[in-house]
Each structure stands twice: as C-alpha cells, then as structure tokens.
C-alpha cells in the first residue's frame, strides 16, 4: 500500500489503483490472523489518488467503476476491530492502563475478540485466568 503512505517520491505523477489491498484481519472462527485481499475503502482510494499530485499535477487511473467506488465503505474498519488483541492486552497491563474492557476506545473491539485475546494469553501461560480474575 505504498500509495497510501506519507511517502512522497519526486517525479511520481501517475498512480494505478486496482482498488484492492491485503488487509490484516483476525478470524474469530479459525483463531488465525490472515491477510486476505479485499476491496479498499473510499478513504484509502482517495489517499492513493492524493499520492500522484504531490509535486505537480498528476493522474490516478482506477481499475474499477465509479459505481463500485460509491458502493465501498467510506472508511476502513479500525485495526482494533480486526486484529487479535492478545498483544494489546499485555501492553495495556504493562503500561497499567486498566483492563481492555474499560478502556475508552473510540471504536471499541467486540467482546468475542477480547475473549479470544485472553484465551490465547491463558493458553500461552502469559496470564493466569484464576489468579488474574478476568
């Protein structure tokens, strides 16, 4: 997703946008973090378009229709809602930020993803379910 980063490469005046990206997503069913190829959001597409005209006028060629663009989600799903939360839980404990359930996330994760994070940490013996009382 180089065309979505803050990187500006001098001389880049054209961006070809296929409208897809590998997006990290946790599968609650299989308990595995995956990188499926998915359609990008409108915001991501606009970010890509913005890369082609940083230094001078540029052209973005989208390989999908305007109707397809209009039907896409306006913004991508926040990462906190599509990732395994085990490392977040450990980091919050290390920083003494309280429990993940009580943290005031702008877009809070689903309860089942929180439970999966605790379950994985318990399996890895990184936390003790009985002693830690979650």
N, C-alpha and C. Protein backbone atom coordinates (compact mmCIF):
# COMPACT_ATOMS: atom_id res chain seq x y z
N UNK A 1 0.83 -1.19 0.00
CA UNK A 1 0.00 0.00 0.00
C UNK A 1 0.87 1.25 0.00
N UNK A 2 1.92 1.25 -0.79
CA UNK A 2 2.85 2.38 -0.82
C UNK A 2 2.14 3.67 -1.17
N UNK A 3 1.15 3.62 -2.06
CA UNK A 3 0.45 4.83 -2.46
C UNK A 3 -0.46 5.37 -1.37
N UNK A 4 -0.57 4.68 -0.24
CA UNK A 4 -1.38 5.18 0.88
C UNK A 4 -0.52 5.71 2.01
N UNK A 5 0.80 5.62 1.89
CA UNK A 5 1.68 6.09 2.95
C UNK A 5 1.95 7.58 2.79
N UNK A 6 2.68 8.14 3.72
CA UNK A 6 3.01 9.56 3.64
C UNK A 6 4.26 9.79 2.80
N UNK A 7 4.76 8.77 2.18
CA UNK A 7 5.95 8.86 1.35
C UNK A 7 5.66 9.64 0.06
N UNK A 8 6.47 10.65 -0.23
CA UNK A 8 6.36 11.38 -1.49
C UNK A 8 7.62 11.13 -2.28
N UNK A 9 7.47 10.54 -3.45
CA UNK A 9 8.60 10.25 -4.32
C UNK A 9 8.58 11.28 -5.45
N UNK A 10 9.62 12.10 -5.55
CA UNK A 10 9.65 13.10 -6.62
C UNK A 10 9.50 12.45 -8.00
N UNK A 11 8.73 13.10 -8.85
CA UNK A 11 8.57 12.60 -10.22
C UNK A 11 7.40 11.65 -10.41
N UNK A 12 6.78 11.19 -9.33
CA UNK A 12 5.62 10.30 -9.46
C UNK A 12 4.41 11.15 -9.81
N UNK A 13 3.90 10.95 -11.01
CA UNK A 13 2.75 11.73 -11.46
C UNK A 13 1.56 10.84 -11.80
N UNK A 14 1.77 9.54 -11.82
CA UNK A 14 0.70 8.61 -12.17
C UNK A 14 0.58 7.55 -11.08
N UNK A 15 -0.66 7.23 -10.74
CA UNK A 15 -0.93 6.14 -9.80
C UNK A 15 -1.99 5.26 -10.45
N UNK A 16 -1.71 3.96 -10.50
CA UNK A 16 -2.69 2.99 -10.99
C UNK A 16 -3.24 2.31 -9.76
N UNK A 17 -4.54 2.43 -9.54
CA UNK A 17 -5.19 1.91 -8.34
C UNK A 17 -6.08 0.72 -8.71
N UNK A 18 -5.66 -0.50 -8.35
CA UNK A 18 -6.51 -1.66 -8.63
C UNK A 18 -7.70 -1.78 -7.68
N UNK A 19 -7.70 -0.98 -6.61
CA UNK A 19 -8.83 -0.98 -5.68
C UNK A 19 -8.82 -2.09 -4.67
N UNK A 20 -7.69 -2.76 -4.52
CA UNK A 20 -7.59 -3.87 -3.58
C UNK A 20 -6.32 -3.72 -2.74
N UNK A 21 -6.32 -4.39 -1.61
CA UNK A 21 -5.14 -4.43 -0.75
C UNK A 21 -5.21 -5.68 0.12
N UNK A 22 -4.06 -6.11 0.59
CA UNK A 22 -4.03 -7.16 1.61
C UNK A 22 -4.25 -6.48 2.95
N UNK A 23 -5.31 -6.87 3.61
CA UNK A 23 -5.70 -6.23 4.86
C UNK A 23 -5.64 -7.26 5.99
N UNK A 24 -4.84 -6.96 7.01
CA UNK A 24 -4.71 -7.86 8.14
C UNK A 24 -6.06 -7.98 8.85
N UNK A 25 -6.49 -9.22 9.03
CA UNK A 25 -7.80 -9.47 9.64
C UNK A 25 -7.74 -10.75 10.46
N UNK A 26 -8.24 -10.68 11.69
CA UNK A 26 -8.29 -11.84 12.58
C UNK A 26 -9.59 -12.59 12.35
N UNK A 27 -9.48 -13.90 12.20
CA UNK A 27 -10.66 -14.74 12.03
C UNK A 27 -11.05 -15.34 13.39
N UNK A 28 -12.19 -14.91 13.89
CA UNK A 28 -12.68 -15.44 15.17
C UNK A 28 -12.96 -16.95 15.05
N UNK A 29 -13.42 -17.37 13.89
CA UNK A 29 -13.77 -18.77 13.69
C UNK A 29 -12.53 -19.67 13.71
N UNK A 30 -11.47 -19.30 12.98
CA UNK A 30 -10.27 -20.14 12.90
C UNK A 30 -9.19 -19.75 13.89
N UNK A 31 -9.36 -18.59 14.56
CA UNK A 31 -8.39 -18.09 15.54
C UNK A 31 -7.03 -17.80 14.92
N UNK A 32 -7.04 -17.31 13.68
CA UNK A 32 -5.80 -17.05 12.94
C UNK A 32 -5.85 -15.64 12.36
N UNK A 33 -4.71 -14.95 12.41
CA UNK A 33 -4.58 -13.65 11.75
C UNK A 33 -4.28 -13.93 10.28
N UNK A 34 -5.05 -13.32 9.38
CA UNK A 34 -4.90 -13.58 7.94
C UNK A 34 -4.60 -12.28 7.20
N UNK A 35 -4.22 -12.40 5.93
CA UNK A 35 -4.01 -11.25 5.05
C UNK A 35 -4.80 -11.44 3.76
N UNK A 36 -6.12 -11.43 3.85
CA UNK A 36 -6.90 -11.61 2.62
C UNK A 36 -6.84 -10.35 1.74
N UNK A 37 -7.03 -10.56 0.44
CA UNK A 37 -7.12 -9.43 -0.49
C UNK A 37 -8.56 -8.96 -0.48
N UNK A 38 -8.75 -7.66 -0.18
CA UNK A 38 -10.09 -7.09 -0.07
C UNK A 38 -10.16 -5.77 -0.82
N UNK A 39 -11.37 -5.36 -1.11
CA UNK A 39 -11.59 -4.04 -1.70
C UNK A 39 -11.24 -2.98 -0.67
N UNK A 40 -10.56 -1.93 -1.09
CA UNK A 40 -10.22 -0.84 -0.18
C UNK A 40 -11.42 0.09 0.01
N UNK A 41 -11.36 0.92 1.03
CA UNK A 41 -12.43 1.88 1.31
C UNK A 41 -12.29 3.11 0.41
N UNK A 42 -13.30 3.95 0.41
CA UNK A 42 -13.24 5.21 -0.33
C UNK A 42 -12.11 6.09 0.19
N UNK A 43 -11.93 6.13 1.51
CA UNK A 43 -10.86 6.95 2.10
C UNK A 43 -9.48 6.47 1.64
N UNK A 44 -9.27 5.16 1.58
CA UNK A 44 -8.00 4.61 1.11
C UNK A 44 -7.79 4.93 -0.36
N UNK A 45 -8.84 4.83 -1.15
CA UNK A 45 -8.75 5.16 -2.58
C UNK A 45 -8.39 6.63 -2.78
N UNK A 46 -9.00 7.50 -1.98
CA UNK A 46 -8.69 8.92 -2.08
C UNK A 46 -7.27 9.22 -1.64
N UNK A 47 -6.78 8.49 -0.65
CA UNK A 47 -5.40 8.64 -0.21
C UNK A 47 -4.44 8.24 -1.32
N UNK A 48 -4.75 7.14 -1.99
CA UNK A 48 -3.92 6.70 -3.12
C UNK A 48 -3.92 7.75 -4.23
N UNK A 49 -5.09 8.28 -4.51
CA UNK A 49 -5.20 9.31 -5.55
C UNK A 49 -4.35 10.53 -5.20
N UNK A 50 -4.32 10.87 -3.94
CA UNK A 50 -3.55 12.03 -3.49
C UNK A 50 -2.06 11.90 -3.69
N UNK A 51 -1.54 10.71 -3.81
CA UNK A 51 -0.10 10.48 -3.99
C UNK A 51 0.39 10.95 -5.35
N UNK A 52 -0.47 10.96 -6.37
CA UNK A 52 0.02 11.22 -7.73
C UNK A 52 0.22 12.70 -8.01
N UNK A 53 -0.26 13.59 -7.18
CA UNK A 53 -0.14 15.00 -7.47
C UNK A 53 0.55 15.80 -6.41
N UNK A 54 1.49 15.22 -5.70
CA UNK A 54 2.14 15.91 -4.58
C UNK A 54 3.04 17.07 -5.05
N UNK A 55 3.80 16.83 -6.10
CA UNK A 55 4.77 17.82 -6.55
C UNK A 55 4.23 18.64 -7.72
N UNK A 56 3.47 18.00 -8.58
CA UNK A 56 2.86 18.67 -9.72
C UNK A 56 1.57 17.93 -10.06
N UNK A 57 0.83 18.43 -11.05
CA UNK A 57 -0.41 17.77 -11.44
C UNK A 57 -0.15 16.30 -11.76
N UNK A 58 -1.09 15.45 -11.37
CA UNK A 58 -0.93 14.02 -11.61
C UNK A 58 -2.22 13.39 -12.05
N UNK A 59 -2.14 12.10 -12.37
CA UNK A 59 -3.30 11.35 -12.85
C UNK A 59 -3.40 10.05 -12.07
N UNK A 60 -4.60 9.74 -11.58
CA UNK A 60 -4.88 8.47 -10.92
C UNK A 60 -5.82 7.68 -11.82
N UNK A 61 -5.39 6.49 -12.18
CA UNK A 61 -6.22 5.61 -13.02
C UNK A 61 -6.75 4.50 -12.12
N UNK A 62 -8.05 4.51 -11.91
CA UNK A 62 -8.68 3.48 -11.09
C UNK A 62 -9.17 2.36 -11.99
N UNK A 63 -8.88 1.14 -11.61
CA UNK A 63 -9.26 -0.02 -12.40
C UNK A 63 -10.61 -0.59 -11.96
N UNK A 64 -11.50 0.30 -11.54
CA UNK A 64 -12.85 -0.09 -11.14
C UNK A 64 -13.77 1.09 -11.43
N UNK A 65 -15.05 0.81 -11.47
CA UNK A 65 -16.03 1.82 -11.88
C UNK A 65 -16.37 2.81 -10.76
N UNK A 66 -16.98 3.93 -11.15
CA UNK A 66 -17.45 4.91 -10.17
C UNK A 66 -18.53 4.30 -9.28
N UNK A 67 -19.36 3.42 -9.86
CA UNK A 67 -20.41 2.76 -9.09
C UNK A 67 -19.79 1.86 -8.02
N UNK A 68 -18.73 1.16 -8.39
CA UNK A 68 -18.02 0.30 -7.44
C UNK A 68 -17.44 1.17 -6.32
N UNK A 69 -16.81 2.29 -6.67
CA UNK A 69 -16.25 3.21 -5.68
C UNK A 69 -17.33 3.70 -4.72
N UNK A 70 -18.47 4.11 -5.26
CA UNK A 70 -19.56 4.65 -4.45
C UNK A 70 -20.15 3.60 -3.50
N UNK A 71 -20.06 2.32 -3.88
CA UNK A 71 -20.63 1.24 -3.07
C UNK A 71 -19.69 0.79 -1.94
N UNK A 72 -18.45 1.23 -1.98
CA UNK A 72 -17.47 0.82 -0.97
C UNK A 72 -17.71 1.54 0.36
N UNK A 73 -17.22 0.94 1.45
CA UNK A 73 -17.29 1.59 2.76
C UNK A 73 -16.57 2.93 2.68
N UNK A 74 -17.07 3.90 3.41
CA UNK A 74 -16.45 5.22 3.38
C UNK A 74 -15.06 5.19 4.02
N UNK A 75 -14.91 4.43 5.12
CA UNK A 75 -13.63 4.34 5.83
C UNK A 75 -13.30 2.87 6.08
N UNK A 76 -12.00 2.55 6.23
CA UNK A 76 -11.64 1.16 6.56
C UNK A 76 -12.06 0.81 7.98
N UNK A 77 -12.24 -0.47 8.25
CA UNK A 77 -12.54 -0.94 9.61
C UNK A 77 -11.33 -0.64 10.48
N UNK A 78 -11.52 -0.03 11.65
CA UNK A 78 -10.38 0.25 12.53
C UNK A 78 -9.63 -1.04 12.89
N UNK A 79 -8.31 -0.94 12.94
CA UNK A 79 -7.49 -2.13 13.19
C UNK A 79 -7.83 -2.80 14.51
N UNK A 80 -8.20 -2.03 15.52
CA UNK A 80 -8.53 -2.60 16.83
C UNK A 80 -9.73 -3.54 16.73
N UNK A 81 -10.53 -3.42 15.69
CA UNK A 81 -11.71 -4.27 15.50
C UNK A 81 -11.44 -5.43 14.55
N UNK A 82 -10.20 -5.57 14.06
CA UNK A 82 -9.93 -6.65 13.12
C UNK A 82 -8.61 -7.37 13.40
N UNK A 83 -8.14 -7.28 14.64
CA UNK A 83 -6.88 -7.93 14.97
C UNK A 83 -7.00 -8.75 16.24
N UNK A 84 -6.08 -9.68 16.44
CA UNK A 84 -6.03 -10.42 17.69
C UNK A 84 -5.56 -9.45 18.77
N UNK A 85 -6.22 -9.47 19.91
CA UNK A 85 -5.98 -8.47 20.94
C UNK A 85 -5.03 -8.91 22.05
N UNK A 86 -4.42 -10.09 21.92
CA UNK A 86 -3.54 -10.59 22.98
C UNK A 86 -2.41 -9.61 23.28
N UNK A 87 -1.73 -9.11 22.25
CA UNK A 87 -0.62 -8.20 22.48
C UNK A 87 -1.10 -6.86 23.05
N UNK A 88 -2.29 -6.43 22.66
CA UNK A 88 -2.86 -5.19 23.19
C UNK A 88 -3.14 -5.35 24.69
N UNK A 89 -3.70 -6.48 25.06
CA UNK A 89 -3.99 -6.76 26.47
C UNK A 89 -2.71 -6.75 27.29
N UNK A 90 -1.67 -7.43 26.79
CA UNK A 90 -0.39 -7.46 27.52
C UNK A 90 0.22 -6.07 27.62
N UNK A 91 0.19 -5.32 26.54
CA UNK A 91 0.76 -3.97 26.55
C UNK A 91 0.00 -3.06 27.52
N UNK A 92 -1.31 -3.19 27.56
CA UNK A 92 -2.10 -2.39 28.48
C UNK A 92 -1.78 -2.73 29.93
N UNK A 93 -1.55 -4.01 30.20
CA UNK A 93 -1.19 -4.44 31.56
C UNK A 93 0.19 -3.89 31.93
N UNK A 94 1.13 -3.97 30.99
CA UNK A 94 2.48 -3.47 31.23
C UNK A 94 2.46 -1.97 31.54
N UNK A 95 1.65 -1.23 30.82
CA UNK A 95 1.57 0.22 31.00
C UNK A 95 0.58 0.63 32.09
N UNK A 96 -0.07 -0.37 32.70
CA UNK A 96 -1.04 -0.15 33.78
C UNK A 96 -2.16 0.81 33.35
N UNK A 97 -2.74 0.50 32.19
CA UNK A 97 -3.83 1.31 31.65
C UNK A 97 -5.20 0.78 32.04
N UNK A 98 -5.24 -0.22 32.88
CA UNK A 98 -6.51 -0.84 33.25
C UNK A 98 -6.86 -1.96 32.29
N UNK A 99 -8.08 -2.41 32.37
CA UNK A 99 -8.50 -3.53 31.51
C UNK A 99 -8.93 -3.02 30.14
N UNK A 100 -8.81 -3.89 29.18
CA UNK A 100 -9.20 -3.53 27.82
C UNK A 100 -10.70 -3.27 27.73
N UNK A 101 -11.47 -3.97 28.58
CA UNK A 101 -12.92 -3.77 28.58
C UNK A 101 -13.31 -2.36 29.01
N UNK A 102 -12.52 -1.75 29.89
CA UNK A 102 -12.84 -0.43 30.44
C UNK A 102 -12.15 0.73 29.71
N UNK A 103 -11.26 0.40 28.78
CA UNK A 103 -10.53 1.47 28.09
C UNK A 103 -11.46 2.21 27.13
N UNK A 104 -11.40 3.55 27.09
CA UNK A 104 -12.32 4.32 26.25
C UNK A 104 -11.90 4.41 24.78
N UNK A 105 -11.88 3.27 24.10
CA UNK A 105 -11.55 3.27 22.67
C UNK A 105 -12.59 4.08 21.91
N UNK A 106 -12.18 4.77 20.87
CA UNK A 106 -13.12 5.48 20.00
C UNK A 106 -14.02 4.47 19.30
N UNK A 107 -13.40 3.39 18.82
CA UNK A 107 -14.13 2.29 18.19
C UNK A 107 -13.78 1.02 18.94
N UNK A 108 -14.51 0.69 20.00
CA UNK A 108 -14.13 -0.46 20.84
C UNK A 108 -14.23 -1.79 20.09
N UNK A 109 -13.35 -2.73 20.46
CA UNK A 109 -13.41 -4.06 19.86
C UNK A 109 -14.59 -4.86 20.39
N UNK A 110 -14.99 -5.88 19.63
CA UNK A 110 -16.08 -6.75 20.06
C UNK A 110 -15.65 -7.60 21.25
N UNK A 111 -16.62 -7.94 22.08
CA UNK A 111 -16.35 -8.75 23.27
C UNK A 111 -15.71 -10.09 22.90
N UNK A 112 -16.17 -10.71 21.83
CA UNK A 112 -15.63 -12.03 21.45
C UNK A 112 -14.15 -11.94 21.08
N UNK A 113 -13.70 -10.81 20.50
CA UNK A 113 -12.28 -10.64 20.18
C UNK A 113 -11.47 -10.43 21.46
N UNK A 114 -12.05 -9.73 22.41
CA UNK A 114 -11.38 -9.56 23.71
C UNK A 114 -11.23 -10.92 24.38
N UNK A 115 -12.30 -11.71 24.38
CA UNK A 115 -12.24 -13.05 24.97
C UNK A 115 -11.19 -13.93 24.30
N UNK A 116 -11.09 -13.85 22.97
CA UNK A 116 -10.07 -14.62 22.24
C UNK A 116 -8.67 -14.21 22.67
N UNK A 117 -8.45 -12.90 22.87
CA UNK A 117 -7.15 -12.43 23.32
C UNK A 117 -6.79 -12.99 24.68
N UNK A 118 -7.73 -12.93 25.62
CA UNK A 118 -7.50 -13.50 26.96
C UNK A 118 -7.27 -15.02 26.88
N UNK A 119 -8.05 -15.69 26.05
CA UNK A 119 -7.93 -17.14 25.92
C UNK A 119 -6.53 -17.52 25.41
N UNK A 120 -6.05 -16.81 24.39
CA UNK A 120 -4.72 -17.10 23.85
C UNK A 120 -3.65 -16.86 24.91
N UNK A 121 -3.74 -15.77 25.63
CA UNK A 121 -2.76 -15.48 26.68
C UNK A 121 -2.79 -16.53 27.78
N UNK A 122 -3.98 -17.03 28.10
CA UNK A 122 -4.11 -18.08 29.09
C UNK A 122 -3.46 -19.37 28.58
N UNK A 123 -3.70 -19.71 27.30
CA UNK A 123 -3.10 -20.92 26.71
C UNK A 123 -1.58 -20.84 26.70
N UNK A 124 -1.05 -19.64 26.45
CA UNK A 124 0.40 -19.44 26.41
C UNK A 124 1.00 -19.27 27.81
N UNK A 125 0.13 -19.30 28.81
CA UNK A 125 0.51 -19.10 30.21
C UNK A 125 1.16 -17.74 30.45
N UNK A 126 0.75 -16.77 29.64
CA UNK A 126 1.22 -15.39 29.82
C UNK A 126 0.44 -14.71 30.93
N UNK A 127 -0.76 -15.19 31.17
CA UNK A 127 -1.58 -14.73 32.28
C UNK A 127 -2.21 -15.96 32.91
N UNK A 128 -2.67 -15.80 34.13
CA UNK A 128 -3.33 -16.89 34.82
C UNK A 128 -4.78 -16.49 35.03
N UNK A 129 -5.67 -17.20 34.38
CA UNK A 129 -7.08 -16.84 34.39
C UNK A 129 -7.64 -16.78 35.81
N UNK A 130 -7.30 -17.74 36.64
CA UNK A 130 -7.83 -17.77 38.01
C UNK A 130 -7.22 -16.65 38.84
N UNK A 131 -5.91 -16.51 38.78
CA UNK A 131 -5.20 -15.51 39.59
C UNK A 131 -5.52 -14.09 39.12
N UNK A 132 -5.54 -13.88 37.80
CA UNK A 132 -5.75 -12.53 37.27
C UNK A 132 -7.22 -12.12 37.26
N UNK A 133 -8.12 -13.09 37.35
CA UNK A 133 -9.53 -12.81 37.52
C UNK A 133 -10.18 -12.00 36.41
N UNK A 134 -9.99 -12.40 35.19
CA UNK A 134 -10.70 -11.70 34.11
C UNK A 134 -11.96 -12.43 33.74
